[in-house]
Amino acid sequence: MKAVINGKKISYSVEGQGKAVVLLGGEQQPIAKEGFLAQSGYRVIVPDLSETDETRGSSLAGKVVALMNYLGTGRAVVAATRLNADLVKVLVERYPQRLADVVFLDGSPEENTSNLAERLHQLRHARQPTSRLGRVA
């Protein structure tokens, strides 16, 4: 799908219903199995940041949050590869109210899916607030 946000086009995919999970992968490689997460009760949002000519974390972070706004997403878990660490840093600094948690994924899509699903399960059943930044894999 494509959206025009602030006059700029951004491609994205959305799958599933439920709490939002934004996957920030690298080089058009899936970092986790979106279908499995969607079937597990999550709304999986994957912006295609490879199509943008913007490379600065602040510009990309604004684009991610604008897409979340466009889709009516409140707080979301953001899962990212280390390649997107600068982008995640900006999201944490500028938009902390939009983040339910941040998870870094460094394995294969299969490992990442399993680890992310486990972290999402922990968040769903947590009784006390968790830290903003988590590390998985």
N, C-alpha and C. Protein backbone atom coordinates (compact mmCIF):
# COMPACT_ATOMS: atom_id res chain seq x y z
N MET A 1 0.84 -1.17 0.00
CA MET A 1 0.00 0.00 0.00
C MET A 1 0.89 1.23 0.00
N LYS A 2 0.30 2.32 -0.44
CA LYS A 2 1.02 3.59 -0.44
C LYS A 2 0.15 4.65 0.21
N ALA A 3 0.83 5.54 0.91
CA ALA A 3 0.15 6.69 1.51
C ALA A 3 0.90 7.94 1.12
N VAL A 4 0.19 9.05 1.05
CA VAL A 4 0.83 10.34 0.85
C VAL A 4 0.72 11.07 2.18
N ILE A 5 1.88 11.30 2.77
CA ILE A 5 1.94 11.92 4.09
C ILE A 5 2.83 13.15 3.99
N ASN A 6 2.27 14.29 4.34
CA ASN A 6 3.01 15.56 4.25
C ASN A 6 3.58 15.75 2.84
N GLY A 7 2.81 15.35 1.86
CA GLY A 7 3.21 15.54 0.47
C GLY A 7 4.21 14.51 -0.05
N LYS A 8 4.58 13.54 0.77
CA LYS A 8 5.55 12.53 0.34
C LYS A 8 4.91 11.15 0.39
N LYS A 9 5.24 10.34 -0.61
CA LYS A 9 4.70 8.98 -0.66
C LYS A 9 5.54 8.04 0.20
N ILE A 10 4.85 7.13 0.86
CA ILE A 10 5.53 6.08 1.61
C ILE A 10 4.77 4.78 1.39
N SER A 11 5.50 3.76 1.05
CA SER A 11 4.90 2.43 0.90
C SER A 11 4.95 1.74 2.26
N TYR A 12 3.97 0.88 2.48
CA TYR A 12 3.92 0.16 3.74
C TYR A 12 3.02 -1.06 3.58
N SER A 13 3.13 -1.96 4.52
CA SER A 13 2.18 -3.07 4.58
C SER A 13 1.62 -3.13 6.00
N VAL A 14 0.40 -3.58 6.10
CA VAL A 14 -0.27 -3.76 7.38
C VAL A 14 -0.95 -5.11 7.34
N GLU A 15 -0.77 -5.85 8.41
CA GLU A 15 -1.40 -7.17 8.49
C GLU A 15 -1.86 -7.40 9.92
N GLY A 16 -3.05 -7.92 10.08
CA GLY A 16 -3.56 -8.30 11.38
C GLY A 16 -4.31 -7.21 12.11
N GLN A 17 -4.81 -7.58 13.27
CA GLN A 17 -5.58 -6.70 14.16
C GLN A 17 -5.01 -6.83 15.56
N GLY A 18 -5.10 -5.78 16.33
CA GLY A 18 -4.67 -5.83 17.72
C GLY A 18 -3.63 -4.76 18.01
N LYS A 19 -2.83 -5.00 19.04
CA LYS A 19 -1.78 -4.06 19.43
C LYS A 19 -0.80 -3.90 18.28
N ALA A 20 -0.33 -2.68 18.09
CA ALA A 20 0.53 -2.37 16.95
C ALA A 20 1.99 -2.75 17.22
N VAL A 21 2.59 -3.34 16.19
CA VAL A 21 4.02 -3.64 16.16
C VAL A 21 4.56 -3.07 14.86
N VAL A 22 5.55 -2.18 14.97
CA VAL A 22 6.16 -1.58 13.79
C VAL A 22 7.51 -2.27 13.58
N LEU A 23 7.68 -2.90 12.42
CA LEU A 23 8.92 -3.58 12.09
C LEU A 23 9.78 -2.69 11.21
N LEU A 24 10.98 -2.37 11.68
CA LEU A 24 11.91 -1.54 10.92
C LEU A 24 13.09 -2.42 10.52
N GLY A 25 12.98 -2.98 9.33
CA GLY A 25 14.02 -3.90 8.83
C GLY A 25 15.07 -3.15 8.04
N GLY A 26 15.83 -3.93 7.33
CA GLY A 26 16.88 -3.33 6.52
C GLY A 26 16.90 -3.92 5.13
N GLU A 27 17.16 -3.06 4.16
CA GLU A 27 17.36 -3.49 2.78
C GLU A 27 16.28 -4.44 2.28
N GLN A 28 15.05 -4.16 2.55
CA GLN A 28 13.89 -4.91 2.09
C GLN A 28 13.90 -6.37 2.54
N GLN A 29 14.66 -6.68 3.57
CA GLN A 29 14.69 -8.04 4.11
C GLN A 29 13.79 -8.10 5.33
N PRO A 30 12.84 -9.03 5.35
CA PRO A 30 11.97 -9.10 6.53
C PRO A 30 12.77 -9.49 7.76
N ILE A 31 12.49 -8.80 8.86
CA ILE A 31 13.20 -9.13 10.09
C ILE A 31 12.43 -10.14 10.91
N ALA A 32 11.15 -10.30 10.62
CA ALA A 32 10.32 -11.28 11.34
C ALA A 32 9.18 -11.70 10.42
N LYS A 33 8.57 -12.81 10.74
CA LYS A 33 7.46 -13.32 9.94
C LYS A 33 6.18 -12.58 10.32
N GLU A 34 5.81 -11.65 9.47
CA GLU A 34 4.67 -10.78 9.74
C GLU A 34 3.37 -11.57 9.90
N GLY A 35 3.17 -12.58 9.07
CA GLY A 35 1.95 -13.37 9.12
C GLY A 35 1.76 -14.06 10.45
N PHE A 36 2.83 -14.62 10.99
CA PHE A 36 2.73 -15.30 12.28
C PHE A 36 2.34 -14.31 13.38
N LEU A 37 2.98 -13.14 13.38
CA LEU A 37 2.66 -12.13 14.39
C LEU A 37 1.23 -11.65 14.25
N ALA A 38 0.78 -11.46 13.01
CA ALA A 38 -0.60 -11.02 12.77
C ALA A 38 -1.58 -12.08 13.25
N GLN A 39 -1.29 -13.34 13.00
CA GLN A 39 -2.18 -14.42 13.45
C GLN A 39 -2.16 -14.58 14.97
N SER A 40 -1.13 -14.03 15.60
CA SER A 40 -1.02 -14.09 17.06
C SER A 40 -1.71 -12.92 17.74
N GLY A 41 -2.41 -12.08 16.96
CA GLY A 41 -3.20 -11.02 17.55
C GLY A 41 -2.56 -9.65 17.55
N TYR A 42 -1.65 -9.40 16.61
CA TYR A 42 -1.00 -8.10 16.53
C TYR A 42 -1.26 -7.46 15.18
N ARG A 43 -1.24 -6.15 15.17
CA ARG A 43 -1.34 -5.39 13.92
C ARG A 43 0.10 -5.03 13.53
N VAL A 44 0.59 -5.67 12.50
CA VAL A 44 1.98 -5.53 12.10
C VAL A 44 2.09 -4.50 10.98
N ILE A 45 2.86 -3.46 11.24
CA ILE A 45 3.05 -2.36 10.29
C ILE A 45 4.50 -2.38 9.85
N VAL A 46 4.70 -2.41 8.54
CA VAL A 46 6.06 -2.43 7.99
C VAL A 46 6.22 -1.30 6.98
N PRO A 47 6.82 -0.19 7.40
CA PRO A 47 7.07 0.88 6.44
C PRO A 47 8.25 0.49 5.55
N ASP A 48 8.17 0.84 4.28
CA ASP A 48 9.26 0.59 3.36
C ASP A 48 10.12 1.84 3.32
N LEU A 49 11.13 1.87 4.15
CA LEU A 49 12.00 3.04 4.24
C LEU A 49 13.06 3.05 3.15
N SER A 50 13.16 1.97 2.38
CA SER A 50 14.16 1.92 1.32
C SER A 50 13.79 2.82 0.15
N GLU A 51 12.50 3.14 0.01
CA GLU A 51 12.05 3.98 -1.10
C GLU A 51 12.30 5.46 -0.86
N THR A 52 12.63 5.81 0.33
CA THR A 52 12.78 7.23 0.65
C THR A 52 14.19 7.71 0.34
N ASP A 53 14.31 8.97 0.00
CA ASP A 53 15.63 9.54 -0.24
C ASP A 53 16.19 10.15 1.04
N GLU A 54 15.44 10.06 2.09
CA GLU A 54 15.89 10.60 3.37
C GLU A 54 16.75 9.57 4.08
N THR A 55 17.85 10.02 4.64
CA THR A 55 18.74 9.10 5.33
C THR A 55 18.94 9.49 6.79
N ARG A 56 18.56 10.69 7.14
CA ARG A 56 18.75 11.13 8.53
C ARG A 56 17.70 10.50 9.42
N GLY A 57 18.13 10.10 10.61
CA GLY A 57 17.21 9.48 11.56
C GLY A 57 16.03 10.36 11.91
N SER A 58 16.26 11.68 12.02
CA SER A 58 15.16 12.57 12.41
C SER A 58 14.08 12.62 11.33
N SER A 59 14.48 12.65 10.06
CA SER A 59 13.50 12.67 8.98
C SER A 59 12.74 11.36 8.90
N LEU A 60 13.47 10.26 9.03
CA LEU A 60 12.82 8.95 8.97
C LEU A 60 11.90 8.73 10.17
N ALA A 61 12.32 9.18 11.35
CA ALA A 61 11.49 9.02 12.54
C ALA A 61 10.18 9.78 12.36
N GLY A 62 10.26 10.99 11.84
CA GLY A 62 9.04 11.75 11.58
C GLY A 62 8.14 11.04 10.60
N LYS A 63 8.73 10.39 9.62
CA LYS A 63 7.95 9.66 8.62
C LYS A 63 7.27 8.44 9.25
N VAL A 64 7.98 7.74 10.12
CA VAL A 64 7.39 6.57 10.80
C VAL A 64 6.22 7.00 11.67
N VAL A 65 6.39 8.06 12.43
CA VAL A 65 5.32 8.54 13.31
C VAL A 65 4.16 9.09 12.47
N ALA A 66 4.46 9.76 11.38
CA ALA A 66 3.39 10.24 10.50
C ALA A 66 2.59 9.07 9.93
N LEU A 67 3.26 7.97 9.59
CA LEU A 67 2.55 6.78 9.12
C LEU A 67 1.69 6.19 10.23
N MET A 68 2.22 6.16 11.45
CA MET A 68 1.42 5.68 12.59
C MET A 68 0.18 6.54 12.76
N ASN A 69 0.33 7.85 12.64
CA ASN A 69 -0.82 8.75 12.74
C ASN A 69 -1.82 8.48 11.63
N TYR A 70 -1.33 8.33 10.41
CA TYR A 70 -2.17 8.07 9.24
C TYR A 70 -2.99 6.79 9.44
N LEU A 71 -2.37 5.78 10.05
CA LEU A 71 -3.05 4.50 10.27
C LEU A 71 -3.86 4.47 11.57
N GLY A 72 -3.84 5.57 12.32
CA GLY A 72 -4.60 5.61 13.57
C GLY A 72 -4.01 4.76 14.67
N THR A 73 -2.71 4.60 14.64
CA THR A 73 -2.02 3.78 15.63
C THR A 73 -1.63 4.64 16.81
N GLY A 74 -1.94 4.16 17.98
CA GLY A 74 -1.50 4.84 19.20
C GLY A 74 -0.07 4.43 19.51
N ARG A 75 0.13 3.94 20.70
CA ARG A 75 1.46 3.45 21.10
C ARG A 75 1.73 2.12 20.39
N ALA A 76 3.00 1.90 20.07
CA ALA A 76 3.36 0.68 19.36
C ALA A 76 4.68 0.14 19.89
N VAL A 77 4.85 -1.15 19.76
CA VAL A 77 6.15 -1.77 19.98
C VAL A 77 6.91 -1.61 18.68
N VAL A 78 8.13 -1.11 18.76
CA VAL A 78 8.98 -0.95 17.59
C VAL A 78 10.06 -2.02 17.66
N ALA A 79 10.14 -2.84 16.62
CA ALA A 79 11.17 -3.86 16.52
C ALA A 79 12.07 -3.48 15.35
N ALA A 80 13.39 -3.47 15.59
CA ALA A 80 14.30 -2.99 14.56
C ALA A 80 15.60 -3.78 14.57
N THR A 81 16.27 -3.74 13.44
CA THR A 81 17.62 -4.28 13.36
C THR A 81 18.60 -3.22 13.85
N ARG A 82 19.81 -3.63 14.12
CA ARG A 82 20.84 -2.67 14.54
C ARG A 82 21.13 -1.65 13.45
N LEU A 83 20.84 -2.00 12.21
CA LEU A 83 21.05 -1.05 11.10
C LEU A 83 20.20 0.20 11.29
N ASN A 84 19.11 0.07 12.04
CA ASN A 84 18.21 1.20 12.26
C ASN A 84 18.35 1.78 13.66
N ALA A 85 19.50 1.58 14.30
CA ALA A 85 19.70 2.07 15.66
C ALA A 85 19.57 3.59 15.75
N ASP A 86 20.09 4.32 14.76
CA ASP A 86 19.98 5.78 14.79
C ASP A 86 18.53 6.22 14.70
N LEU A 87 17.78 5.57 13.85
CA LEU A 87 16.35 5.87 13.71
C LEU A 87 15.62 5.60 15.02
N VAL A 88 15.91 4.47 15.65
CA VAL A 88 15.27 4.12 16.92
C VAL A 88 15.64 5.11 18.00
N LYS A 89 16.88 5.54 18.02
CA LYS A 89 17.32 6.53 19.01
C LYS A 89 16.50 7.80 18.90
N VAL A 90 16.27 8.26 17.69
CA VAL A 90 15.47 9.47 17.47
C VAL A 90 14.03 9.24 17.90
N LEU A 91 13.48 8.07 17.57
CA LEU A 91 12.11 7.76 18.00
C LEU A 91 12.00 7.82 19.52
N VAL A 92 12.96 7.24 20.21
CA VAL A 92 12.95 7.23 21.69
C VAL A 92 13.08 8.64 22.24
N GLU A 93 13.96 9.44 21.65
CA GLU A 93 14.18 10.79 22.15
C GLU A 93 13.02 11.74 21.86
N ARG A 94 12.47 11.67 20.64
CA ARG A 94 11.46 12.64 20.23
C ARG A 94 10.01 12.20 20.41
N TYR A 95 9.79 10.90 20.39
CA TYR A 95 8.41 10.41 20.43
C TYR A 95 8.23 9.31 21.48
N PRO A 96 8.73 9.48 22.70
CA PRO A 96 8.64 8.39 23.69
C PRO A 96 7.20 8.00 24.01
N GLN A 97 6.27 8.96 23.92
CA GLN A 97 4.87 8.69 24.22
C GLN A 97 4.24 7.76 23.19
N ARG A 98 4.86 7.58 22.03
CA ARG A 98 4.32 6.72 20.98
C ARG A 98 4.85 5.29 21.05
N LEU A 99 5.82 5.05 21.95
CA LEU A 99 6.47 3.75 22.02
C LEU A 99 6.04 2.97 23.25
N ALA A 100 5.52 1.78 23.03
CA ALA A 100 5.22 0.89 24.14
C ALA A 100 6.47 0.15 24.58
N ASP A 101 7.36 -0.12 23.63
CA ASP A 101 8.63 -0.79 23.90
C ASP A 101 9.44 -0.76 22.61
N VAL A 102 10.74 -0.96 22.76
CA VAL A 102 11.65 -1.07 21.63
C VAL A 102 12.41 -2.37 21.78
N VAL A 103 12.46 -3.14 20.70
CA VAL A 103 13.15 -4.43 20.72
C VAL A 103 14.09 -4.48 19.53
N PHE A 104 15.36 -4.80 19.80
CA PHE A 104 16.32 -4.99 18.72
C PHE A 104 16.40 -6.47 18.39
N LEU A 105 16.35 -6.76 17.11
CA LEU A 105 16.37 -8.14 16.62
C LEU A 105 17.59 -8.33 15.73
N ASP A 106 18.40 -9.33 16.05
CA ASP A 106 19.66 -9.51 15.33
C ASP A 106 19.83 -10.90 14.72
N GLY A 107 18.78 -11.69 14.69
CA GLY A 107 18.91 -13.05 14.18
C GLY A 107 18.24 -13.24 12.83
N SER A 108 17.99 -14.48 12.51
CA SER A 108 17.27 -14.81 11.28
C SER A 108 15.80 -14.42 11.47
N PRO A 109 15.04 -14.30 10.38
CA PRO A 109 13.61 -14.00 10.53
C PRO A 109 12.89 -14.99 11.44
N GLU A 110 13.26 -16.25 11.38
CA GLU A 110 12.62 -17.26 12.23
C GLU A 110 12.94 -17.04 13.70
N GLU A 111 14.26 -16.81 14.00
CA GLU A 111 14.67 -16.54 15.38
C GLU A 111 14.03 -15.25 15.89
N ASN A 112 14.05 -14.23 15.05
CA ASN A 112 13.47 -12.95 15.44
C ASN A 112 11.98 -13.07 15.73
N THR A 113 11.27 -13.83 14.92
CA THR A 113 9.83 -14.00 15.12
C THR A 113 9.57 -14.65 16.46
N SER A 114 10.31 -15.70 16.76
CA SER A 114 10.14 -16.40 18.03
C SER A 114 10.47 -15.48 19.21
N ASN A 115 11.59 -14.78 19.12
CA ASN A 115 12.01 -13.90 20.21
C ASN A 115 11.07 -12.72 20.38
N LEU A 116 10.62 -12.16 19.27
CA LEU A 116 9.69 -11.03 19.37
C LEU A 116 8.35 -11.48 19.92
N ALA A 117 7.86 -12.63 19.48
CA ALA A 117 6.60 -13.15 20.01
C ALA A 117 6.70 -13.38 21.51
N GLU A 118 7.83 -13.87 21.97
CA GLU A 118 8.04 -14.07 23.41
C GLU A 118 8.03 -12.74 24.15
N ARG A 119 8.71 -11.73 23.60
CA ARG A 119 8.74 -10.41 24.24
C ARG A 119 7.34 -9.78 24.25
N LEU A 120 6.61 -9.91 23.17
CA LEU A 120 5.25 -9.37 23.11
C LEU A 120 4.36 -10.06 24.14
N HIS A 121 4.55 -11.36 24.30
CA HIS A 121 3.79 -12.11 25.31
C HIS A 121 4.12 -11.58 26.71
N GLN A 122 5.41 -11.34 26.96
CA GLN A 122 5.82 -10.80 28.27
C GLN A 122 5.18 -9.43 28.50
N LEU A 123 5.19 -8.58 27.49
CA LEU A 123 4.61 -7.25 27.63
C LEU A 123 3.11 -7.33 27.88
N ARG A 124 2.46 -8.24 27.19
CA ARG A 124 1.01 -8.40 27.33
C ARG A 124 0.63 -8.82 28.75
N HIS A 125 1.50 -9.59 29.39
CA HIS A 125 1.19 -10.13 30.71
C HIS A 125 1.96 -9.45 31.84
N ALA A 126 2.68 -8.38 31.55
CA ALA A 126 3.43 -7.66 32.57
C ALA A 126 2.48 -6.92 33.50
N ARG A 127 2.79 -6.98 34.77
CA ARG A 127 1.96 -6.26 35.75
C ARG A 127 2.52 -4.89 36.06
N GLN A 128 3.82 -4.73 35.86
CA GLN A 128 4.45 -3.45 36.12
C GLN A 128 5.02 -2.92 34.81
N PRO A 129 5.15 -1.62 34.71
CA PRO A 129 5.74 -1.05 33.49
C PRO A 129 7.12 -1.63 33.24
N THR A 130 7.43 -1.88 31.99
CA THR A 130 8.75 -2.40 31.63
C THR A 130 9.61 -1.26 31.15
N SER A 131 10.89 -1.52 31.06
CA SER A 131 11.77 -0.48 30.55
C SER A 131 11.46 -0.23 29.09
N ARG A 132 11.81 0.93 28.61
CA ARG A 132 11.55 1.30 27.23
C ARG A 132 12.36 0.45 26.25
N LEU A 133 13.59 0.18 26.63
CA LEU A 133 14.46 -0.49 25.67
C LEU A 133 14.69 -1.94 26.09
N GLY A 134 14.43 -2.83 25.16
CA GLY A 134 14.69 -4.24 25.40
C GLY A 134 15.63 -4.75 24.33
N ARG A 135 16.32 -5.83 24.62
CA ARG A 135 17.21 -6.43 23.62
C ARG A 135 16.82 -7.89 23.51
N VAL A 136 16.63 -8.31 22.29
CA VAL A 136 16.28 -9.69 22.02
C VAL A 136 17.26 -10.23 21.01
N ALA A 137 17.62 -11.48 21.17
CA ALA A 137 18.48 -12.22 20.24
C ALA A 137 19.94 -11.89 20.36
